[in-house]
C-alpha atoms as a PDB file:
ATOM      1  CA  UNK A   1       0.000   0.000   0.000  1.00  0.00           C
ATOM      2  CA  UNK A   2       1.403   3.383  -0.948  1.00  0.00           C
ATOM      3  CA  UNK A   3       1.597   6.403   1.329  1.00  0.00           C
ATOM      4  CA  UNK A   4      -1.131   8.114  -0.692  1.00  0.00           C
ATOM      5  CA  UNK A   5      -3.384   5.066  -0.284  1.00  0.00           C
ATOM      6  CA  UNK A   6      -2.750   5.034   3.472  1.00  0.00           C
ATOM      7  CA  UNK A   7      -3.572   8.714   3.807  1.00  0.00           C
ATOM      8  CA  UNK A   8      -6.758   8.294   1.753  1.00  0.00           C
ATOM      9  CA  UNK A   9      -8.198   5.626   4.070  1.00  0.00           C
ATOM     10  CA  UNK A  10     -11.596   6.315   5.654  1.00  0.00           C
ATOM     11  CA  UNK A  11     -11.767   6.716   9.458  1.00  0.00           C
ATOM     12  CA  UNK A  12     -12.038   2.948   9.969  1.00  0.00           C
ATOM     13  CA  UNK A  13     -11.104   0.073   7.687  1.00  0.00           C
ATOM     14  CA  UNK A  14     -11.837  -3.628   7.609  1.00  0.00           C
ATOM     15  CA  UNK A  15      -9.286  -6.206   8.728  1.00  0.00           C
ATOM     16  CA  UNK A  16      -8.366  -7.118   5.141  1.00  0.00           C
ATOM     17  CA  UNK A  17      -7.354  -3.533   4.380  1.00  0.00           C
ATOM     18  CA  UNK A  18      -5.415  -3.218   7.643  1.00  0.00           C
ATOM     19  CA  UNK A  19      -3.646  -6.511   6.955  1.00  0.00           C
ATOM     20  CA  UNK A  20      -2.694  -5.311   3.472  1.00  0.00           C
ATOM     21  CA  UNK A  21      -1.260  -2.092   4.937  1.00  0.00           C
ATOM     22  CA  UNK A  22       0.764  -4.124   7.447  1.00  0.00           C
ATOM     23  CA  UNK A  23       1.984  -6.572   4.811  1.00  0.00           C
ATOM     24  CA  UNK A  24       0.370  -9.650   6.369  1.00  0.00           C
ATOM     25  CA  UNK A  25      -2.351 -12.023   5.263  1.00  0.00           C
ATOM     26  CA  UNK A  26      -5.966 -11.741   6.330  1.00  0.00           C
ATOM     27  CA  UNK A  27      -5.943 -15.118   8.079  1.00  0.00           C
ATOM     28  CA  UNK A  28      -2.846 -14.144  10.050  1.00  0.00           C
ATOM     29  CA  UNK A  29      -4.465 -10.825  10.989  1.00  0.00           C
ATOM     30  CA  UNK A  30      -7.580 -12.541  12.341  1.00  0.00           C
ATOM     31  CA  UNK A  31      -5.410 -15.051  14.222  1.00  0.00           C
ATOM     32  CA  UNK A  32      -3.499 -12.186  15.853  1.00  0.00           C
ATOM     33  CA  UNK A  33      -6.742 -10.403  16.730  1.00  0.00           C
ATOM     34  CA  UNK A  34      -8.131 -13.575  18.339  1.00  0.00           C
ATOM     35  CA  UNK A  35      -5.127 -13.915  20.662  1.00  0.00           C
ATOM     36  CA  UNK A  36      -4.875 -10.180  21.370  1.00  0.00           C
ATOM     37  CA  UNK A  37      -1.579  -9.746  19.527  1.00  0.00           C
ATOM     38  CA  UNK A  38      -2.665  -7.617  16.560  1.00  0.00           C
ATOM     39  CA  UNK A  39      -0.319  -4.601  16.508  1.00  0.00           C
ATOM     40  CA  UNK A  40      -3.125  -2.106  15.954  1.00  0.00           C
ATOM     41  CA  UNK A  41      -6.128  -1.184  18.107  1.00  0.00           C
ATOM     42  CA  UNK A  42      -9.307  -2.830  16.850  1.00  0.00           C
ATOM     43  CA  UNK A  43     -12.984  -2.028  17.350  1.00  0.00           C
ATOM     44  CA  UNK A  44     -15.376  -4.950  17.646  1.00  0.00           C
ATOM     45  CA  UNK A  45     -18.916  -4.030  16.707  1.00  0.00           C
ATOM     46  CA  UNK A  46     -21.014  -7.161  17.092  1.00  0.00           C
ATOM     47  CA  UNK A  47     -19.371  -9.673  14.792  1.00  0.00           C
ATOM     48  CA  UNK A  48     -17.601  -6.979  12.760  1.00  0.00           C
ATOM     49  CA  UNK A  49     -14.030  -5.923  13.455  1.00  0.00           C
ATOM     50  CA  UNK A  50     -12.866  -2.498  12.278  1.00  0.00           C
ATOM     51  CA  UNK A  51      -9.450  -0.856  12.551  1.00  0.00           C
ATOM     52  CA  UNK A  52      -9.148   2.907  13.079  1.00  0.00           C
ATOM     53  CA  UNK A  53      -7.018   4.422  10.315  1.00  0.00           C
ATOM     54  CA  UNK A  54      -5.346   6.777  12.817  1.00  0.00           C
ATOM     55  CA  UNK A  55      -4.180   3.798  14.899  1.00  0.00           C
ATOM     56  CA  UNK A  56      -2.864   2.136  11.752  1.00  0.00           C
ATOM     57  CA  UNK A  57      -0.983   5.324  10.821  1.00  0.00           C
ATOM     58  CA  UNK A  58       0.624   5.438  14.305  1.00  0.00           C
ATOM     59  CA  UNK A  59       1.877   1.854  14.043  1.00  0.00           C
ATOM     60  CA  UNK A  60       3.224   2.511  10.553  1.00  0.00           C
ATOM     61  CA  UNK A  61       4.646   5.867  11.645  1.00  0.00           C
ATOM     62  CA  UNK A  62       2.706   7.767   8.996  1.00  0.00           C
ATOM     63  CA  UNK A  63       1.997  11.413   9.699  1.00  0.00           C
ATOM     64  CA  UNK A  64      -1.043  12.850   7.969  1.00  0.00           C
ATOM     65  CA  UNK A  65      -0.453  16.243   6.381  1.00  0.00           C
ATOM     66  CA  UNK A  66      -1.535  19.318   8.316  1.00  0.00           C
ATOM     67  CA  UNK A  67      -4.866  20.654   7.133  1.00  0.00           C
END
């Protein structure tokens, strides 16, 4: 995922998108989430898991441009 793609993410993304940004597979991402070892904060909403883009940026050390 390019820097421009990262910065264009909506406020929350699905696990597949977060996994792609981190360079890991979706199955690995869900495995890490299950054991509490996913490197990014997640939000569980019922059976849906979302990842805040801002938390993903922090882990990847991406700084959004000043607005």
